[in-house]
Amino acid sequence: MKTMGIGLHWDELEVGQQFRTLNRTITEADIVNFIGVTGMVETLFTDLTFGEQGGGLMGGRVVPAACTYTMIEGLLCQSVMQETGLALLEVEKKVLAPVFAGDTVHAEVEVTTIRPTSKGNRGIVTTDNRIVNQKGETVIQYRAVRMMAGRSRD
């Protein structure tokens, strides 16, 4: 019987293939939980009046970029890499704009390189990922290199 919810295997992907994740609205609770568990209790994330009287430096509760990025990685794990993602080998990330509590983000992903490893039924997959907010603005872009499992050989 086929198990549903298994991610894509490296040998099912193609260079140039594109897809997007589901949307995720980032809430106040997400921010509080993230900064609490990571210890990122930086004033920027905990004091809405930081920097300016009345509106704060950023004009709202800013989401740590690491929180936004990891939520997107979670969406990818749940859909694309469930049981097939073996290792995150490298990430090159650029933060382009702030994300605020209440913003909704998703990722747009393009497969840029695929190569088999020399050992086992595994492949190295590189993707370019854009995290986009509800206004269509790219807030983070990153390149990820992952080791992924191949299809079963039975």
N, C-alpha and C. Protein backbone atom coordinates (compact mmCIF):
# COMPACT_ATOMS: atom_id res chain seq x y z
N MET A 1 0.85 -1.17 0.00
CA MET A 1 0.00 0.00 0.00
C MET A 1 0.90 1.24 0.00
N LYS A 2 0.60 2.21 -0.83
CA LYS A 2 1.38 3.43 -0.93
C LYS A 2 1.15 4.32 0.29
N THR A 3 2.22 4.86 0.83
CA THR A 3 2.13 5.83 1.93
C THR A 3 2.03 7.23 1.34
N MET A 4 1.03 7.97 1.71
CA MET A 4 0.84 9.33 1.22
C MET A 4 1.65 10.30 2.07
N GLY A 5 2.07 11.40 1.46
CA GLY A 5 2.79 12.43 2.20
C GLY A 5 4.30 12.34 2.10
N ILE A 6 4.80 11.36 1.32
CA ILE A 6 6.24 11.23 1.15
C ILE A 6 6.70 12.31 0.18
N GLY A 7 7.86 12.89 0.46
CA GLY A 7 8.40 13.97 -0.37
C GLY A 7 8.93 13.46 -1.71
N LEU A 8 9.48 14.39 -2.45
CA LEU A 8 10.05 14.07 -3.75
C LEU A 8 11.44 13.49 -3.58
N HIS A 9 11.81 12.57 -4.45
CA HIS A 9 13.15 12.00 -4.47
C HIS A 9 14.01 12.80 -5.43
N TRP A 10 15.32 12.77 -5.22
CA TRP A 10 16.20 13.56 -6.08
C TRP A 10 16.06 13.18 -7.55
N ASP A 11 15.81 11.90 -7.82
CA ASP A 11 15.73 11.45 -9.21
C ASP A 11 14.33 11.64 -9.81
N GLU A 12 13.45 12.31 -9.09
CA GLU A 12 12.14 12.71 -9.63
C GLU A 12 12.14 14.21 -9.99
N LEU A 13 13.19 14.91 -9.61
CA LEU A 13 13.30 16.35 -9.86
C LEU A 13 14.01 16.60 -11.19
N GLU A 14 13.79 17.79 -11.74
CA GLU A 14 14.45 18.19 -12.98
C GLU A 14 14.99 19.60 -12.82
N VAL A 15 16.15 19.86 -13.40
CA VAL A 15 16.69 21.21 -13.40
C VAL A 15 15.70 22.12 -14.12
N GLY A 16 15.42 23.27 -13.53
CA GLY A 16 14.45 24.20 -14.08
C GLY A 16 13.05 24.04 -13.51
N GLN A 17 12.81 22.93 -12.83
CA GLN A 17 11.50 22.70 -12.22
C GLN A 17 11.23 23.77 -11.17
N GLN A 18 10.00 24.27 -11.14
CA GLN A 18 9.62 25.30 -10.18
C GLN A 18 8.35 24.88 -9.45
N PHE A 19 8.25 25.29 -8.20
CA PHE A 19 7.05 25.06 -7.42
C PHE A 19 6.99 26.09 -6.30
N ARG A 20 5.87 26.17 -5.65
CA ARG A 20 5.72 27.07 -4.51
C ARG A 20 5.11 26.32 -3.34
N THR A 21 5.37 26.85 -2.15
CA THR A 21 4.81 26.25 -0.95
C THR A 21 3.42 26.83 -0.69
N LEU A 22 2.77 26.26 0.30
CA LEU A 22 1.55 26.86 0.82
C LEU A 22 1.91 28.17 1.51
N ASN A 23 0.91 28.99 1.78
CA ASN A 23 1.12 30.22 2.54
C ASN A 23 1.21 29.94 4.02
N ARG A 24 1.87 30.84 4.75
CA ARG A 24 1.96 30.75 6.22
C ARG A 24 1.90 32.16 6.78
N THR A 25 0.88 32.46 7.57
CA THR A 25 0.80 33.74 8.26
C THR A 25 1.58 33.63 9.57
N ILE A 26 2.48 34.56 9.79
CA ILE A 26 3.31 34.55 11.00
C ILE A 26 2.62 35.39 12.07
N THR A 27 2.36 34.77 13.21
CA THR A 27 1.59 35.41 14.28
C THR A 27 2.49 35.90 15.41
N GLU A 28 1.91 36.69 16.28
CA GLU A 28 2.60 37.14 17.50
C GLU A 28 3.09 35.93 18.30
N ALA A 29 2.24 34.92 18.41
CA ALA A 29 2.62 33.72 19.18
C ALA A 29 3.82 33.02 18.54
N ASP A 30 3.88 32.97 17.21
CA ASP A 30 5.04 32.39 16.54
C ASP A 30 6.32 33.12 16.93
N ILE A 31 6.26 34.44 16.93
CA ILE A 31 7.44 35.25 17.25
C ILE A 31 7.85 35.04 18.70
N VAL A 32 6.90 35.11 19.61
CA VAL A 32 7.19 34.94 21.04
C VAL A 32 7.79 33.56 21.30
N ASN A 33 7.20 32.53 20.72
CA ASN A 33 7.72 31.17 20.90
C ASN A 33 9.12 31.03 20.31
N PHE A 34 9.33 31.58 19.12
CA PHE A 34 10.64 31.47 18.47
C PHE A 34 11.73 32.18 19.28
N ILE A 35 11.48 33.42 19.69
CA ILE A 35 12.53 34.13 20.43
C ILE A 35 12.74 33.51 21.81
N GLY A 36 11.69 32.93 22.38
CA GLY A 36 11.84 32.27 23.66
C GLY A 36 12.68 31.00 23.58
N VAL A 37 12.44 30.19 22.57
CA VAL A 37 13.15 28.92 22.46
C VAL A 37 14.58 29.11 21.95
N THR A 38 14.83 30.17 21.17
CA THR A 38 16.17 30.39 20.63
C THR A 38 17.02 31.31 21.49
N GLY A 39 16.37 32.05 22.40
CA GLY A 39 17.10 33.02 23.21
C GLY A 39 17.36 34.33 22.47
N MET A 40 16.70 34.54 21.35
CA MET A 40 16.88 35.78 20.58
C MET A 40 16.02 36.90 21.18
N VAL A 41 16.29 37.21 22.43
CA VAL A 41 15.51 38.23 23.13
C VAL A 41 16.10 39.63 22.90
N GLU A 42 16.47 39.88 21.67
CA GLU A 42 16.99 41.18 21.25
C GLU A 42 15.88 42.23 21.35
N THR A 43 16.23 43.42 21.77
CA THR A 43 15.26 44.50 21.95
C THR A 43 14.43 44.73 20.69
N LEU A 44 15.04 44.62 19.55
CA LEU A 44 14.32 44.79 18.28
C LEU A 44 13.09 43.89 18.21
N PHE A 45 13.18 42.69 18.80
CA PHE A 45 12.08 41.73 18.72
C PHE A 45 11.15 41.78 19.93
N THR A 46 11.56 42.44 21.00
CA THR A 46 10.77 42.39 22.24
C THR A 46 10.19 43.73 22.68
N ASP A 47 10.61 44.83 22.07
CA ASP A 47 10.17 46.17 22.49
C ASP A 47 9.62 46.92 21.29
N LEU A 48 8.28 47.05 21.22
CA LEU A 48 7.65 47.72 20.08
C LEU A 48 7.97 49.22 20.01
N THR A 49 8.49 49.80 21.09
CA THR A 49 8.83 51.23 21.07
C THR A 49 10.31 51.47 20.81
N PHE A 50 11.07 50.42 20.59
CA PHE A 50 12.51 50.53 20.40
C PHE A 50 12.85 51.47 19.24
N GLY A 51 13.71 52.45 19.49
CA GLY A 51 14.24 53.31 18.43
C GLY A 51 13.50 54.59 18.18
N GLU A 52 12.21 54.60 18.29
CA GLU A 52 11.41 55.81 18.04
C GLU A 52 10.24 55.82 19.00
N GLN A 53 9.82 57.00 19.40
CA GLN A 53 8.64 57.11 20.26
C GLN A 53 7.39 56.78 19.46
N GLY A 54 6.55 55.94 20.00
CA GLY A 54 5.24 55.70 19.44
C GLY A 54 5.13 54.63 18.36
N GLY A 55 6.13 54.43 17.53
CA GLY A 55 5.96 53.45 16.46
C GLY A 55 7.06 52.43 16.38
N GLY A 56 8.11 52.65 17.12
CA GLY A 56 9.23 51.73 17.05
C GLY A 56 10.04 51.95 15.80
N LEU A 57 11.22 51.41 15.81
CA LEU A 57 12.16 51.58 14.71
C LEU A 57 11.61 51.02 13.40
N MET A 58 10.93 49.89 13.47
CA MET A 58 10.47 49.21 12.26
C MET A 58 8.99 49.47 11.95
N GLY A 59 8.24 50.03 12.88
CA GLY A 59 6.83 50.31 12.62
C GLY A 59 5.92 49.13 12.89
N GLY A 60 6.32 48.21 13.72
CA GLY A 60 5.51 47.05 14.06
C GLY A 60 6.40 45.97 14.65
N ARG A 61 5.78 44.85 15.04
CA ARG A 61 6.57 43.75 15.61
C ARG A 61 7.25 43.01 14.47
N VAL A 62 8.55 43.17 14.44
CA VAL A 62 9.34 42.55 13.38
C VAL A 62 9.60 41.08 13.72
N VAL A 63 9.58 40.27 12.69
CA VAL A 63 9.84 38.82 12.82
C VAL A 63 11.33 38.59 12.59
N PRO A 64 12.03 37.87 13.47
CA PRO A 64 13.42 37.54 13.17
C PRO A 64 13.50 36.83 11.81
N ALA A 65 14.47 37.23 11.01
CA ALA A 65 14.62 36.60 9.69
C ALA A 65 14.81 35.09 9.82
N ALA A 66 15.49 34.68 10.88
CA ALA A 66 15.70 33.25 11.10
C ALA A 66 14.36 32.53 11.31
N CYS A 67 13.41 33.20 11.93
CA CYS A 67 12.08 32.62 12.15
C CYS A 67 11.36 32.44 10.82
N THR A 68 11.38 33.48 10.00
CA THR A 68 10.73 33.41 8.69
C THR A 68 11.34 32.29 7.86
N TYR A 69 12.66 32.25 7.81
CA TYR A 69 13.37 31.24 7.02
C TYR A 69 13.03 29.82 7.51
N THR A 70 13.05 29.61 8.82
CA THR A 70 12.81 28.26 9.32
C THR A 70 11.35 27.83 9.14
N MET A 71 10.43 28.78 9.17
CA MET A 71 9.03 28.40 8.89
C MET A 71 8.88 27.92 7.45
N ILE A 72 9.56 28.58 6.54
CA ILE A 72 9.53 28.15 5.14
C ILE A 72 10.20 26.78 5.00
N GLU A 73 11.32 26.58 5.68
CA GLU A 73 11.96 25.28 5.65
C GLU A 73 11.02 24.20 6.19
N GLY A 74 10.24 24.55 7.21
CA GLY A 74 9.25 23.61 7.73
C GLY A 74 8.21 23.25 6.70
N LEU A 75 7.72 24.24 5.95
CA LEU A 75 6.76 23.95 4.88
C LEU A 75 7.37 23.04 3.82
N LEU A 76 8.64 23.29 3.50
CA LEU A 76 9.33 22.43 2.52
C LEU A 76 9.52 21.01 3.06
N CYS A 77 9.87 20.89 4.34
CA CYS A 77 10.04 19.56 4.95
C CYS A 77 8.74 18.77 4.90
N GLN A 78 7.64 19.44 5.19
CA GLN A 78 6.34 18.76 5.23
C GLN A 78 5.86 18.32 3.86
N SER A 79 6.30 18.99 2.82
CA SER A 79 5.73 18.71 1.50
C SER A 79 6.73 18.11 0.51
N VAL A 80 7.92 18.64 0.44
CA VAL A 80 8.87 18.25 -0.59
C VAL A 80 9.89 17.22 -0.10
N MET A 81 10.23 17.26 1.19
CA MET A 81 11.35 16.44 1.67
C MET A 81 10.97 15.44 2.76
N GLN A 82 9.70 15.23 3.01
CA GLN A 82 9.30 14.28 4.05
C GLN A 82 9.84 12.90 3.71
N GLU A 83 10.71 12.37 4.52
CA GLU A 83 11.38 11.08 4.39
C GLU A 83 12.40 11.01 3.24
N THR A 84 12.55 12.06 2.45
CA THR A 84 13.51 12.04 1.35
C THR A 84 14.67 13.01 1.56
N GLY A 85 14.48 14.01 2.40
CA GLY A 85 15.56 14.95 2.71
C GLY A 85 16.51 14.30 3.71
N LEU A 86 17.77 14.17 3.33
CA LEU A 86 18.74 13.49 4.20
C LEU A 86 19.66 14.46 4.94
N ALA A 87 20.00 15.59 4.31
CA ALA A 87 20.90 16.55 4.97
C ALA A 87 20.83 17.89 4.25
N LEU A 88 20.82 18.95 5.05
CA LEU A 88 20.99 20.31 4.53
C LEU A 88 22.49 20.58 4.59
N LEU A 89 23.13 20.72 3.42
CA LEU A 89 24.59 20.80 3.35
C LEU A 89 25.10 22.24 3.32
N GLU A 90 24.33 23.14 2.74
CA GLU A 90 24.82 24.50 2.59
C GLU A 90 23.65 25.44 2.36
N VAL A 91 23.74 26.65 2.93
CA VAL A 91 22.74 27.69 2.70
C VAL A 91 23.46 29.02 2.50
N GLU A 92 23.06 29.74 1.48
CA GLU A 92 23.54 31.10 1.25
C GLU A 92 22.29 31.97 1.21
N LYS A 93 22.16 32.90 2.18
CA LYS A 93 20.90 33.61 2.38
C LYS A 93 21.11 35.11 2.38
N LYS A 94 20.15 35.84 1.80
CA LYS A 94 20.17 37.29 1.81
C LYS A 94 18.79 37.80 2.23
N VAL A 95 18.77 38.61 3.30
CA VAL A 95 17.52 39.19 3.79
C VAL A 95 17.33 40.53 3.08
N LEU A 96 16.20 40.70 2.42
CA LEU A 96 15.95 41.88 1.59
C LEU A 96 14.98 42.88 2.20
N ALA A 97 14.05 42.39 3.03
CA ALA A 97 13.04 43.28 3.62
C ALA A 97 12.52 42.66 4.90
N PRO A 98 12.01 43.50 5.82
CA PRO A 98 11.48 42.95 7.07
C PRO A 98 10.14 42.26 6.87
N VAL A 99 9.87 41.31 7.75
CA VAL A 99 8.58 40.65 7.85
C VAL A 99 8.02 41.03 9.21
N PHE A 100 6.71 41.29 9.26
CA PHE A 100 6.07 41.73 10.49
C PHE A 100 5.00 40.73 10.91
N ALA A 101 4.67 40.75 12.20
CA ALA A 101 3.57 39.93 12.70
C ALA A 101 2.34 40.20 11.85
N GLY A 102 1.68 39.14 11.42
CA GLY A 102 0.50 39.26 10.58
C GLY A 102 0.79 39.13 9.09
N ASP A 103 2.07 39.19 8.71
CA ASP A 103 2.42 38.99 7.30
C ASP A 103 2.26 37.51 6.93
N THR A 104 1.91 37.29 5.67
CA THR A 104 1.76 35.94 5.14
C THR A 104 2.85 35.73 4.09
N VAL A 105 3.59 34.64 4.23
CA VAL A 105 4.70 34.36 3.32
C VAL A 105 4.54 32.98 2.69
N HIS A 106 5.20 32.80 1.57
CA HIS A 106 5.34 31.50 0.93
C HIS A 106 6.69 31.50 0.23
N ALA A 107 7.11 30.33 -0.25
CA ALA A 107 8.37 30.25 -0.98
C ALA A 107 8.09 29.84 -2.42
N GLU A 108 8.90 30.42 -3.31
CA GLU A 108 8.92 30.02 -4.71
C GLU A 108 10.30 29.41 -4.94
N VAL A 109 10.31 28.18 -5.42
CA VAL A 109 11.53 27.38 -5.47
C VAL A 109 11.82 26.97 -6.91
N GLU A 110 13.10 27.05 -7.29
CA GLU A 110 13.54 26.54 -8.58
C GLU A 110 14.73 25.62 -8.39
N VAL A 111 14.65 24.43 -8.96
CA VAL A 111 15.75 23.47 -8.93
C VAL A 111 16.80 23.94 -9.93
N THR A 112 18.04 24.15 -9.45
CA THR A 112 19.09 24.67 -10.35
C THR A 112 20.15 23.63 -10.72
N THR A 113 20.45 22.71 -9.83
CA THR A 113 21.38 21.63 -10.17
C THR A 113 20.98 20.35 -9.45
N ILE A 114 21.29 19.24 -10.11
CA ILE A 114 21.06 17.90 -9.53
C ILE A 114 22.23 17.04 -9.95
N ARG A 115 22.77 16.29 -9.00
CA ARG A 115 23.81 15.33 -9.36
C ARG A 115 23.75 14.15 -8.39
N PRO A 116 23.98 12.96 -8.92
CA PRO A 116 24.01 11.79 -8.03
C PRO A 116 25.28 11.81 -7.19
N THR A 117 25.22 11.21 -6.03
CA THR A 117 26.43 11.04 -5.23
C THR A 117 27.16 9.79 -5.73
N SER A 118 28.38 9.62 -5.29
CA SER A 118 29.15 8.46 -5.72
C SER A 118 28.80 7.21 -4.91
N LYS A 119 28.04 7.38 -3.84
CA LYS A 119 27.75 6.26 -2.95
C LYS A 119 26.26 6.21 -2.64
N GLY A 120 25.65 5.07 -2.86
CA GLY A 120 24.25 4.90 -2.49
C GLY A 120 23.30 5.56 -3.46
N ASN A 121 22.04 5.44 -3.17
CA ASN A 121 20.98 5.99 -4.01
C ASN A 121 20.61 7.37 -3.49
N ARG A 122 21.55 8.29 -3.61
CA ARG A 122 21.37 9.65 -3.09
C ARG A 122 21.77 10.65 -4.16
N GLY A 123 21.26 11.86 -4.01
CA GLY A 123 21.64 12.93 -4.93
C GLY A 123 21.81 14.23 -4.19
N ILE A 124 22.55 15.14 -4.81
CA ILE A 124 22.73 16.49 -4.29
C ILE A 124 21.89 17.42 -5.14
N VAL A 125 20.98 18.13 -4.50
CA VAL A 125 20.04 19.01 -5.19
C VAL A 125 20.25 20.44 -4.69
N THR A 126 20.42 21.36 -5.63
CA THR A 126 20.55 22.78 -5.28
C THR A 126 19.30 23.50 -5.78
N THR A 127 18.76 24.36 -4.92
CA THR A 127 17.58 25.14 -5.28
C THR A 127 17.81 26.62 -4.97
N ASP A 128 17.20 27.47 -5.77
CA ASP A 128 17.10 28.89 -5.46
C ASP A 128 15.71 29.11 -4.91
N ASN A 129 15.64 29.76 -3.74
CA ASN A 129 14.38 29.91 -3.03
C ASN A 129 14.12 31.39 -2.77
N ARG A 130 12.91 31.82 -3.08
CA ARG A 130 12.50 33.19 -2.78
C ARG A 130 11.35 33.13 -1.80
N ILE A 131 11.48 33.82 -0.67
CA ILE A 131 10.37 33.95 0.27
C ILE A 131 9.66 35.25 -0.07
N VAL A 132 8.37 35.13 -0.35
CA VAL A 132 7.57 36.24 -0.85
C VAL A 132 6.44 36.53 0.13
N ASN A 133 6.20 37.82 0.39
CA ASN A 133 5.11 38.18 1.31
C ASN A 133 3.80 38.39 0.55
N GLN A 134 2.76 38.74 1.29
CA GLN A 134 1.42 38.88 0.71
C GLN A 134 1.32 40.03 -0.29
N LYS A 135 2.30 40.93 -0.31
CA LYS A 135 2.32 42.04 -1.27
C LYS A 135 3.09 41.68 -2.54
N GLY A 136 3.61 40.44 -2.59
CA GLY A 136 4.38 40.02 -3.75
C GLY A 136 5.84 40.44 -3.68
N GLU A 137 6.29 40.92 -2.52
CA GLU A 137 7.67 41.36 -2.34
C GLU A 137 8.54 40.20 -1.89
N THR A 138 9.71 40.07 -2.48
CA THR A 138 10.67 39.07 -2.02
C THR A 138 11.34 39.61 -0.77
N VAL A 139 11.20 38.91 0.35
CA VAL A 139 11.76 39.37 1.62
C VAL A 139 13.06 38.66 1.96
N ILE A 140 13.22 37.44 1.52
CA ILE A 140 14.46 36.67 1.71
C ILE A 140 14.68 35.84 0.45
N GLN A 141 15.91 35.77 0.01
CA GLN A 141 16.23 34.82 -1.05
C GLN A 141 17.41 33.99 -0.56
N TYR A 142 17.37 32.71 -0.90
CA TYR A 142 18.47 31.84 -0.47
C TYR A 142 18.65 30.67 -1.42
N ARG A 143 19.88 30.21 -1.44
CA ARG A 143 20.26 29.03 -2.20
C ARG A 143 20.51 27.93 -1.19
N ALA A 144 19.93 26.77 -1.43
CA ALA A 144 20.11 25.63 -0.52
C ALA A 144 20.66 24.44 -1.29
N VAL A 145 21.61 23.76 -0.67
CA VAL A 145 22.17 22.53 -1.22
C VAL A 145 21.81 21.41 -0.24
N ARG A 146 21.14 20.38 -0.76
CA ARG A 146 20.66 19.30 0.09
C ARG A 146 21.05 17.94 -0.48
N MET A 147 21.22 16.99 0.42
CA MET A 147 21.33 15.59 0.01
C MET A 147 19.93 15.00 0.15
N MET A 148 19.50 14.31 -0.92
CA MET A 148 18.18 13.72 -0.91
C MET A 148 18.23 12.26 -1.33
N ALA A 149 17.31 11.49 -0.81
CA ALA A 149 17.20 10.08 -1.16
C ALA A 149 16.66 9.90 -2.56
N GLY A 150 17.01 8.77 -3.17
CA GLY A 150 16.46 8.41 -4.47
C GLY A 150 15.27 7.48 -4.31
N ARG A 151 14.61 7.21 -5.41
CA ARG A 151 13.49 6.28 -5.39
C ARG A 151 13.97 4.89 -5.01
N SER A 152 13.09 4.15 -4.41
CA SER A 152 13.40 2.76 -4.04
C SER A 152 13.74 1.98 -5.29
N ARG A 153 14.69 1.10 -5.17
CA ARG A 153 15.14 0.32 -6.33
C ARG A 153 14.38 -0.99 -6.51
N ASP A 154 13.32 -1.22 -5.69
CA ASP A 154 12.59 -2.49 -5.86
C ASP A 154 11.65 -2.44 -7.02
